[in-house]
Amino acid sequence: MNFKGKNYWALILGGSSGFGLATAKSLAESGMNICIAHRDRRGAMEKIEKEFEIIKSSGVELLTFNTNALAPEGIKEVLDGLETKLKASKGSVRVMLHSIAFGNLKLLAPQVPPKNNSPAAVLAAKLNISEENIKKAFNDLFDEGNDAFYTVADAAEYNSTLLTDDEDIANTVFSMGTSYYTWAKALFQRGLFAADARLFGLTSEGNEVAWRGYASVGAAKVAMEALSRSMALEFGPYGIRSNIIQAGVTDTPALRHIPGNKHISAGARLRNPLGRLTTPEDVGSVIKLLALDEAGWINGTIIRVDGGEHIGS
């Protein structure tokens, strides 16, 4: 699979880490030029620049913009720069990936402690051993990487005083959901898409499973999925496909911000038929496949990239 000589570009929104960076590398290896919009602090740039050098070493062109991709001025900055480059080289945007992870992870209501006796208490009473010692053993075993103990180790701690408000939900739904359309519309209006273009957004199992503290992000992902279906329908006549990738649980910077992420990861590994978490590279490879001419008939759907995690029990 090779895009060299076609002067295709991929616009990666949130491309300095995780899924975005892995996809940028994967597409670059196949000869696609890359434009990355990201927002990172100066102190992180030394490491990020090394990753960008890897992309350029594939022999493709790379444009990067360290800006707020959710603000009108940031969107304009990226599109002005990309449009100038495309007009000079007669290139076009084949792929747009929305990988922006900027949202609210607060609870909707204060957490209520479970009413039933904990496994540690039950086992301590049965064996006539200190409950504290049992709890410590469970936690130590879980911390040492024994996933099977995630259900009996101490539950994740959440902030029960700082709760989600309407503004939190609205901002998250825009940043991680509806801005997918904001960017697609802006590219479309400027005429930057290739005659056969592919749009990709990212969702997760939190679109239908309630994870504590994930309500705002879950709402954003469901909104993105609904928009993608309509975008597939209404942009389709212009040769623009839209699909959403539902990745399995993946160790990314975004996941590490979710309270209870260690418990989520342990459960996912135990459910997965292949015995591991999804990686950003798994997702990048699938997006590269979906960018091929041969995948042009896939449109308006949600594609699971999780190694079978969703079928596990």
Foldseek 3Di string as FASTA:
>chain_A
DAPAPQQEEEEFEAQQWFLNVLLLQLVLLRPHAYEYEHADDPVCVVVSVVSVVSSCVSVHHYHYHHDPCLDPVSLCVSCVVVVVVCVVVVHFYAEYEQDFQDAWQAFAAADDDDPDDAPLVVVCVVVVHDSVVSQVVLQVCLVVPPLVSLRRHDFWDHDRPDHDDPVRLVVLLCNQAVVLVVNVVVCVVVVRHDQAHEYEYEDEPLLPDPDGSCVSNNNSRVRRLVVQLVCLVPCVVSNYAYEYEYEYLEPIPSLVVHTRSSNSQSLLLVFAPVRHFDGSNLSSVVVSVCSDPVNSVDHSYYHYRTNCSVVGD
